[in-house]
Amino acid sequence: MFLYPAVGFHFAVYFHGLLPTPIDVSFQSVTGLSVSVETESYKEGGENRYVHDIPTGLKFSTLTLKRGLKSIPSPLTKWCEGVYEDFKFKPLDLIVLLLDENHLPIHRWSVLHAYPIKYEIGEFNAETAGIVIQTLELKYKYFKSI
């Protein structure tokens, strides 16, 4: 049995609390599963060769989901509309699944307490025959591998 690095083109996203539809699990790209350690610099008295960096917390990125614009409304779109039309925030948890060639999960990430902070419809351009891209940017508390 050979183990190969995972490929990043076969994945799905499931939102807890939204009716799972094929429209709302398929995306062109998912980015933002990223965390960094924030530090504070501390100068030690009498030591001028270096500065101590002390960890102070974690900073999680924003999650960006992109997909082709659909012609029918979906629960995910309605969830976003609740924010920018009514200013109603309903944080949801979601799971990002990386899938193998048999559509089975090979890795899972749980993203907790996510809510939309940006919703964008891509460019309309008569000079190209491109797909209109819908971009959803989510702020979340943290993610973990499950």
N, C-alpha and C. Protein backbone atom coordinates (compact mmCIF):
# COMPACT_ATOMS: atom_id res chain seq x y z
N MET A 1 0.85 -1.18 0.00
CA MET A 1 0.00 0.00 0.00
C MET A 1 0.89 1.24 0.00
N PHE A 2 0.66 2.13 -0.96
CA PHE A 2 1.41 3.37 -1.05
C PHE A 2 0.58 4.52 -0.51
N LEU A 3 1.22 5.38 0.21
CA LEU A 3 0.54 6.57 0.71
C LEU A 3 1.05 7.77 -0.07
N TYR A 4 0.14 8.47 -0.69
CA TYR A 4 0.47 9.64 -1.49
C TYR A 4 -0.04 10.89 -0.79
N PRO A 5 0.55 12.02 -1.07
CA PRO A 5 0.01 13.27 -0.51
C PRO A 5 -1.42 13.50 -1.01
N ALA A 6 -2.20 14.11 -0.16
CA ALA A 6 -3.60 14.37 -0.51
C ALA A 6 -3.69 15.41 -1.62
N VAL A 7 -4.67 15.23 -2.48
CA VAL A 7 -4.95 16.22 -3.53
C VAL A 7 -6.02 17.17 -3.00
N GLY A 8 -5.98 18.40 -3.45
CA GLY A 8 -6.87 19.41 -2.89
C GLY A 8 -8.06 19.78 -3.74
N PHE A 9 -8.42 18.94 -4.73
CA PHE A 9 -9.53 19.32 -5.60
C PHE A 9 -10.81 18.57 -5.32
N HIS A 10 -10.81 17.65 -4.37
CA HIS A 10 -12.00 16.86 -4.06
C HIS A 10 -12.37 17.09 -2.60
N PHE A 11 -13.38 17.92 -2.37
CA PHE A 11 -13.74 18.29 -1.00
C PHE A 11 -15.22 18.67 -0.95
N ALA A 12 -15.72 18.81 0.26
CA ALA A 12 -17.11 19.22 0.49
C ALA A 12 -17.16 20.02 1.79
N VAL A 13 -18.19 20.86 1.91
CA VAL A 13 -18.38 21.69 3.10
C VAL A 13 -19.82 21.49 3.57
N TYR A 14 -19.99 21.15 4.85
CA TYR A 14 -21.33 20.96 5.41
C TYR A 14 -21.54 21.96 6.55
N PHE A 15 -22.67 22.67 6.50
CA PHE A 15 -23.03 23.65 7.52
C PHE A 15 -24.04 23.03 8.47
N HIS A 16 -23.72 22.99 9.77
CA HIS A 16 -24.67 22.50 10.78
C HIS A 16 -25.76 23.55 10.94
N GLY A 17 -26.99 23.11 10.90
CA GLY A 17 -28.10 24.04 11.06
C GLY A 17 -28.72 24.49 9.75
N LEU A 18 -28.10 24.14 8.62
CA LEU A 18 -28.69 24.42 7.31
C LEU A 18 -29.02 23.09 6.65
N LEU A 19 -30.14 23.05 5.96
CA LEU A 19 -30.52 21.84 5.25
C LEU A 19 -29.44 21.53 4.22
N PRO A 20 -28.79 20.35 4.31
CA PRO A 20 -27.72 20.05 3.35
C PRO A 20 -28.28 19.80 1.95
N THR A 21 -27.90 20.64 1.02
CA THR A 21 -28.29 20.49 -0.37
C THR A 21 -27.03 20.35 -1.21
N PRO A 22 -27.10 19.68 -2.36
CA PRO A 22 -25.92 19.57 -3.21
C PRO A 22 -25.35 20.93 -3.60
N ILE A 23 -26.21 21.94 -3.67
CA ILE A 23 -25.77 23.30 -4.02
C ILE A 23 -24.84 23.86 -2.95
N ASP A 24 -25.14 23.56 -1.69
CA ASP A 24 -24.43 24.20 -0.60
C ASP A 24 -23.26 23.39 -0.03
N VAL A 25 -22.90 22.29 -0.64
CA VAL A 25 -21.72 21.55 -0.18
C VAL A 25 -20.58 21.64 -1.19
N SER A 26 -20.89 22.06 -2.41
CA SER A 26 -19.88 22.11 -3.48
C SER A 26 -19.36 23.52 -3.68
N PHE A 27 -18.05 23.64 -3.66
CA PHE A 27 -17.40 24.93 -3.84
C PHE A 27 -16.22 24.78 -4.79
N GLN A 28 -15.87 25.87 -5.43
CA GLN A 28 -14.71 25.91 -6.32
C GLN A 28 -13.43 25.91 -5.49
N SER A 29 -13.45 26.65 -4.38
CA SER A 29 -12.27 26.70 -3.51
C SER A 29 -12.67 27.03 -2.09
N VAL A 30 -11.84 26.57 -1.17
CA VAL A 30 -11.96 26.89 0.25
C VAL A 30 -10.56 27.29 0.72
N THR A 31 -10.44 28.49 1.28
CA THR A 31 -9.17 28.93 1.84
C THR A 31 -9.41 29.55 3.21
N GLY A 32 -8.38 29.56 4.02
CA GLY A 32 -8.47 30.23 5.31
C GLY A 32 -8.43 29.32 6.52
N LEU A 33 -8.12 28.04 6.33
CA LEU A 33 -7.89 27.19 7.49
C LEU A 33 -6.46 27.47 7.94
N SER A 34 -6.32 28.57 8.66
CA SER A 34 -5.00 29.07 9.00
C SER A 34 -5.02 29.65 10.41
N VAL A 35 -3.97 29.36 11.16
CA VAL A 35 -3.84 29.90 12.52
C VAL A 35 -2.39 30.32 12.72
N SER A 36 -2.20 31.41 13.45
CA SER A 36 -0.85 31.87 13.78
C SER A 36 -0.81 32.23 15.26
N VAL A 37 0.39 32.15 15.82
CA VAL A 37 0.58 32.49 17.23
C VAL A 37 0.98 33.95 17.31
N GLU A 38 0.25 34.71 18.10
CA GLU A 38 0.61 36.11 18.34
C GLU A 38 1.61 36.15 19.49
N THR A 39 2.58 37.03 19.38
CA THR A 39 3.60 37.14 20.42
C THR A 39 3.77 38.59 20.84
N GLU A 40 4.35 38.75 22.01
CA GLU A 40 4.71 40.07 22.51
C GLU A 40 6.20 40.05 22.79
N SER A 41 6.90 41.08 22.33
CA SER A 41 8.34 41.16 22.54
C SER A 41 8.64 41.68 23.94
N TYR A 42 9.65 41.09 24.56
CA TYR A 42 10.07 41.49 25.89
C TYR A 42 11.58 41.62 25.90
N LYS A 43 12.08 42.80 26.27
CA LYS A 43 13.52 43.05 26.36
C LYS A 43 13.97 42.76 27.79
N GLU A 44 14.95 41.90 27.87
CA GLU A 44 15.52 41.55 29.17
C GLU A 44 16.57 42.59 29.56
N GLY A 45 16.50 43.08 30.77
CA GLY A 45 17.46 44.09 31.22
C GLY A 45 18.89 43.56 31.20
N GLY A 46 19.80 44.31 30.58
CA GLY A 46 21.20 43.92 30.51
C GLY A 46 21.53 42.97 29.36
N GLU A 47 20.53 42.46 28.67
CA GLU A 47 20.76 41.55 27.53
C GLU A 47 20.37 42.27 26.26
N ASN A 48 21.36 42.66 25.47
CA ASN A 48 21.10 43.43 24.26
C ASN A 48 21.24 42.62 22.98
N ARG A 49 21.57 41.34 23.07
CA ARG A 49 21.78 40.53 21.87
C ARG A 49 20.47 40.03 21.25
N TYR A 50 19.43 39.92 22.02
CA TYR A 50 18.16 39.41 21.49
C TYR A 50 17.00 39.90 22.33
N VAL A 51 15.81 39.67 21.82
CA VAL A 51 14.56 40.02 22.49
C VAL A 51 13.77 38.73 22.66
N HIS A 52 13.15 38.57 23.82
CA HIS A 52 12.28 37.41 24.05
C HIS A 52 10.93 37.65 23.39
N ASP A 53 10.41 36.65 22.70
CA ASP A 53 9.06 36.71 22.15
C ASP A 53 8.20 35.74 22.94
N ILE A 54 7.18 36.28 23.60
CA ILE A 54 6.32 35.50 24.48
C ILE A 54 4.97 35.29 23.80
N PRO A 55 4.52 34.04 23.68
CA PRO A 55 3.20 33.79 23.07
C PRO A 55 2.09 34.42 23.91
N THR A 56 1.17 35.11 23.23
CA THR A 56 0.06 35.77 23.93
C THR A 56 -1.31 35.26 23.49
N GLY A 57 -1.38 34.54 22.39
CA GLY A 57 -2.68 34.03 21.93
C GLY A 57 -2.60 33.51 20.51
N LEU A 58 -3.73 33.08 20.02
CA LEU A 58 -3.84 32.56 18.66
C LEU A 58 -4.70 33.49 17.82
N LYS A 59 -4.37 33.59 16.55
CA LYS A 59 -5.18 34.38 15.62
C LYS A 59 -5.57 33.47 14.45
N PHE A 60 -6.87 33.31 14.25
CA PHE A 60 -7.38 32.49 13.16
C PHE A 60 -7.75 33.39 12.00
N SER A 61 -7.50 32.91 10.82
CA SER A 61 -7.78 33.64 9.59
C SER A 61 -9.29 33.68 9.34
N THR A 62 -9.70 34.27 8.22
CA THR A 62 -11.09 34.18 7.79
C THR A 62 -11.19 33.07 6.75
N LEU A 63 -12.33 32.42 6.71
CA LEU A 63 -12.56 31.33 5.77
C LEU A 63 -13.24 31.89 4.53
N THR A 64 -12.68 31.62 3.37
CA THR A 64 -13.24 32.12 2.11
C THR A 64 -13.71 30.94 1.27
N LEU A 65 -14.97 30.98 0.88
CA LEU A 65 -15.58 29.94 0.05
C LEU A 65 -15.97 30.57 -1.28
N LYS A 66 -15.61 29.90 -2.38
CA LYS A 66 -15.97 30.40 -3.71
C LYS A 66 -16.67 29.31 -4.49
N ARG A 67 -17.68 29.75 -5.27
CA ARG A 67 -18.41 28.81 -6.13
C ARG A 67 -19.08 29.59 -7.24
N GLY A 68 -19.51 28.87 -8.27
CA GLY A 68 -20.26 29.49 -9.34
C GLY A 68 -21.63 29.91 -8.83
N LEU A 69 -22.07 31.08 -9.26
CA LEU A 69 -23.37 31.60 -8.83
C LEU A 69 -24.48 30.69 -9.35
N LYS A 70 -25.38 30.30 -8.45
CA LYS A 70 -26.49 29.42 -8.80
C LYS A 70 -27.73 30.27 -9.12
N SER A 71 -28.58 29.74 -9.98
CA SER A 71 -29.77 30.49 -10.38
C SER A 71 -30.94 30.28 -9.41
N ILE A 72 -30.81 29.33 -8.50
CA ILE A 72 -31.89 29.10 -7.54
C ILE A 72 -31.39 29.46 -6.14
N PRO A 73 -32.27 29.97 -5.28
CA PRO A 73 -31.84 30.30 -3.91
C PRO A 73 -31.50 29.04 -3.13
N SER A 74 -30.64 29.18 -2.17
CA SER A 74 -30.24 28.04 -1.35
C SER A 74 -30.25 28.46 0.12
N PRO A 75 -30.28 27.50 1.03
CA PRO A 75 -30.22 27.85 2.45
C PRO A 75 -28.98 28.67 2.81
N LEU A 76 -27.84 28.38 2.19
CA LEU A 76 -26.62 29.13 2.49
C LEU A 76 -26.76 30.59 2.04
N THR A 77 -27.31 30.80 0.86
CA THR A 77 -27.52 32.16 0.36
C THR A 77 -28.49 32.91 1.26
N LYS A 78 -29.55 32.25 1.69
CA LYS A 78 -30.53 32.88 2.58
C LYS A 78 -29.89 33.24 3.92
N TRP A 79 -28.99 32.39 4.42
CA TRP A 79 -28.28 32.68 5.66
C TRP A 79 -27.45 33.96 5.52
N CYS A 80 -26.78 34.10 4.39
CA CYS A 80 -25.99 35.31 4.13
C CYS A 80 -26.89 36.54 3.99
N GLU A 81 -28.00 36.38 3.29
CA GLU A 81 -28.92 37.49 3.10
C GLU A 81 -29.46 38.00 4.43
N GLY A 82 -29.61 37.11 5.41
CA GLY A 82 -30.06 37.52 6.73
C GLY A 82 -29.12 38.53 7.37
N VAL A 83 -27.83 38.43 7.03
CA VAL A 83 -26.85 39.37 7.58
C VAL A 83 -26.92 40.70 6.86
N TYR A 84 -26.83 40.68 5.54
CA TYR A 84 -26.73 41.97 4.84
C TYR A 84 -28.08 42.62 4.54
N GLU A 85 -29.18 41.92 4.69
CA GLU A 85 -30.49 42.54 4.51
C GLU A 85 -31.13 42.93 5.84
N ASP A 86 -31.00 42.07 6.85
CA ASP A 86 -31.67 42.29 8.13
C ASP A 86 -30.72 42.50 9.31
N PHE A 87 -29.43 42.40 9.07
CA PHE A 87 -28.39 42.49 10.10
C PHE A 87 -28.65 41.48 11.23
N LYS A 88 -29.02 40.25 10.83
CA LYS A 88 -29.26 39.15 11.76
C LYS A 88 -28.10 38.17 11.64
N PHE A 89 -27.38 37.99 12.72
CA PHE A 89 -26.23 37.08 12.74
C PHE A 89 -26.61 35.80 13.45
N LYS A 90 -26.48 34.69 12.74
CA LYS A 90 -26.75 33.37 13.31
C LYS A 90 -25.50 32.52 13.07
N PRO A 91 -24.55 32.54 14.01
CA PRO A 91 -23.32 31.76 13.80
C PRO A 91 -23.62 30.27 13.67
N LEU A 92 -22.90 29.64 12.75
CA LEU A 92 -23.05 28.21 12.50
C LEU A 92 -21.69 27.52 12.58
N ASP A 93 -21.71 26.24 12.93
CA ASP A 93 -20.51 25.41 12.82
C ASP A 93 -20.55 24.74 11.47
N LEU A 94 -19.36 24.45 10.92
CA LEU A 94 -19.31 23.75 9.65
C LEU A 94 -18.16 22.76 9.65
N ILE A 95 -18.22 21.83 8.73
CA ILE A 95 -17.17 20.83 8.58
C ILE A 95 -16.67 20.89 7.15
N VAL A 96 -15.35 20.95 7.01
CA VAL A 96 -14.70 20.88 5.71
C VAL A 96 -14.12 19.47 5.59
N LEU A 97 -14.50 18.77 4.55
CA LEU A 97 -14.03 17.40 4.32
C LEU A 97 -13.14 17.34 3.10
N LEU A 98 -11.97 16.75 3.25
CA LEU A 98 -11.11 16.44 2.11
C LEU A 98 -11.40 14.99 1.75
N LEU A 99 -11.75 14.74 0.48
CA LEU A 99 -12.23 13.42 0.07
C LEU A 99 -11.22 12.69 -0.81
N ASP A 100 -11.31 11.36 -0.78
CA ASP A 100 -10.46 10.55 -1.65
C ASP A 100 -11.19 10.24 -2.96
N GLU A 101 -10.59 9.39 -3.78
CA GLU A 101 -11.18 9.07 -5.09
C GLU A 101 -12.50 8.32 -4.99
N ASN A 102 -12.79 7.74 -3.81
CA ASN A 102 -14.06 7.03 -3.59
C ASN A 102 -15.07 7.91 -2.86
N HIS A 103 -14.80 9.19 -2.77
CA HIS A 103 -15.66 10.17 -2.10
C HIS A 103 -15.75 9.96 -0.59
N LEU A 104 -14.74 9.31 -0.03
CA LEU A 104 -14.69 9.09 1.42
C LEU A 104 -13.76 10.11 2.06
N PRO A 105 -14.11 10.61 3.25
CA PRO A 105 -13.27 11.61 3.91
C PRO A 105 -11.91 11.04 4.30
N ILE A 106 -10.86 11.77 3.95
CA ILE A 106 -9.52 11.39 4.42
C ILE A 106 -9.03 12.37 5.49
N HIS A 107 -9.68 13.52 5.57
CA HIS A 107 -9.38 14.46 6.64
C HIS A 107 -10.58 15.36 6.85
N ARG A 108 -10.78 15.77 8.12
CA ARG A 108 -11.93 16.61 8.48
C ARG A 108 -11.45 17.76 9.35
N TRP A 109 -12.06 18.92 9.11
CA TRP A 109 -11.82 20.08 9.97
C TRP A 109 -13.17 20.62 10.41
N SER A 110 -13.30 20.85 11.69
CA SER A 110 -14.49 21.46 12.25
C SER A 110 -14.19 22.94 12.45
N VAL A 111 -15.03 23.79 11.89
CA VAL A 111 -14.89 25.24 12.00
C VAL A 111 -16.05 25.71 12.87
N LEU A 112 -15.71 26.35 13.98
CA LEU A 112 -16.72 26.68 14.97
C LEU A 112 -17.10 28.15 14.99
N HIS A 113 -18.41 28.36 15.14
CA HIS A 113 -19.00 29.69 15.34
C HIS A 113 -18.69 30.63 14.17
N ALA A 114 -19.01 30.20 12.96
CA ALA A 114 -18.75 31.00 11.76
C ALA A 114 -19.96 31.86 11.40
N TYR A 115 -19.67 33.06 10.89
CA TYR A 115 -20.74 33.95 10.42
C TYR A 115 -20.19 34.78 9.26
N PRO A 116 -21.06 35.17 8.33
CA PRO A 116 -20.61 35.92 7.15
C PRO A 116 -20.13 37.32 7.50
N ILE A 117 -18.99 37.71 6.93
CA ILE A 117 -18.53 39.09 7.07
C ILE A 117 -18.37 39.76 5.71
N LYS A 118 -18.43 38.97 4.64
CA LYS A 118 -18.37 39.55 3.30
C LYS A 118 -19.05 38.59 2.32
N TYR A 119 -19.85 39.17 1.44
CA TYR A 119 -20.56 38.42 0.41
C TYR A 119 -20.35 39.18 -0.89
N GLU A 120 -19.85 38.49 -1.90
CA GLU A 120 -19.50 39.18 -3.15
C GLU A 120 -19.94 38.36 -4.36
N ILE A 121 -20.50 39.06 -5.31
CA ILE A 121 -20.83 38.48 -6.61
C ILE A 121 -19.76 38.98 -7.57
N GLY A 122 -19.15 38.06 -8.31
CA GLY A 122 -18.05 38.39 -9.21
C GLY A 122 -18.46 39.28 -10.37
N GLU A 123 -17.48 39.57 -11.17
CA GLU A 123 -17.61 40.50 -12.29
C GLU A 123 -18.50 39.95 -13.41
N PHE A 124 -19.30 40.85 -13.99
CA PHE A 124 -20.02 40.56 -15.24
C PHE A 124 -19.20 41.21 -16.34
N ASN A 125 -18.83 40.44 -17.35
CA ASN A 125 -17.95 40.97 -18.39
C ASN A 125 -18.36 40.38 -19.74
N ALA A 126 -18.82 41.23 -20.65
CA ALA A 126 -19.28 40.80 -21.96
C ALA A 126 -18.14 40.34 -22.86
N GLU A 127 -16.89 40.63 -22.49
CA GLU A 127 -15.74 40.26 -23.32
C GLU A 127 -15.21 38.86 -23.03
N THR A 128 -15.70 38.21 -21.97
CA THR A 128 -15.25 36.86 -21.64
C THR A 128 -16.47 35.96 -21.46
N ALA A 129 -16.23 34.69 -21.50
CA ALA A 129 -17.31 33.72 -21.30
C ALA A 129 -17.13 33.01 -19.96
N GLY A 130 -16.70 33.77 -18.94
CA GLY A 130 -16.43 33.18 -17.64
C GLY A 130 -17.67 32.97 -16.80
N ILE A 131 -17.50 32.16 -15.79
CA ILE A 131 -18.57 31.88 -14.83
C ILE A 131 -18.59 33.01 -13.80
N VAL A 132 -19.77 33.39 -13.38
CA VAL A 132 -19.92 34.39 -12.32
C VAL A 132 -19.62 33.69 -11.00
N ILE A 133 -18.66 34.22 -10.25
CA ILE A 133 -18.23 33.60 -9.00
C ILE A 133 -18.87 34.30 -7.81
N GLN A 134 -19.41 33.49 -6.92
CA GLN A 134 -19.99 33.96 -5.66
C GLN A 134 -18.95 33.68 -4.58
N THR A 135 -18.58 34.72 -3.82
CA THR A 135 -17.57 34.57 -2.77
C THR A 135 -18.20 34.87 -1.42
N LEU A 136 -17.96 33.99 -0.48
CA LEU A 136 -18.46 34.13 0.87
C LEU A 136 -17.27 34.11 1.82
N GLU A 137 -17.13 35.15 2.62
CA GLU A 137 -16.05 35.21 3.60
C GLU A 137 -16.65 35.10 4.99
N LEU A 138 -16.11 34.19 5.79
CA LEU A 138 -16.64 33.91 7.12
C LEU A 138 -15.60 34.18 8.19
N LYS A 139 -16.01 34.78 9.26
CA LYS A 139 -15.19 34.91 10.46
C LYS A 139 -15.58 33.75 11.36
N TYR A 140 -14.61 33.18 12.06
CA TYR A 140 -14.91 32.07 12.95
C TYR A 140 -14.02 32.15 14.19
N LYS A 141 -14.43 31.44 15.25
CA LYS A 141 -13.66 31.47 16.48
C LYS A 141 -12.38 30.66 16.34
N TYR A 142 -12.53 29.40 15.89
CA TYR A 142 -11.36 28.54 15.72
C TYR A 142 -11.75 27.33 14.89
N PHE A 143 -10.73 26.59 14.45
CA PHE A 143 -10.98 25.33 13.77
C PHE A 143 -10.13 24.26 14.44
N LYS A 144 -10.54 23.02 14.26
CA LYS A 144 -9.76 21.90 14.77
C LYS A 144 -9.89 20.72 13.83
N SER A 145 -8.88 19.92 13.81
CA SER A 145 -8.89 18.69 13.02
C SER A 145 -9.67 17.64 13.79
N ILE A 146 -10.59 16.95 13.11
CA ILE A 146 -11.40 15.94 13.80
C ILE A 146 -11.27 14.59 13.11
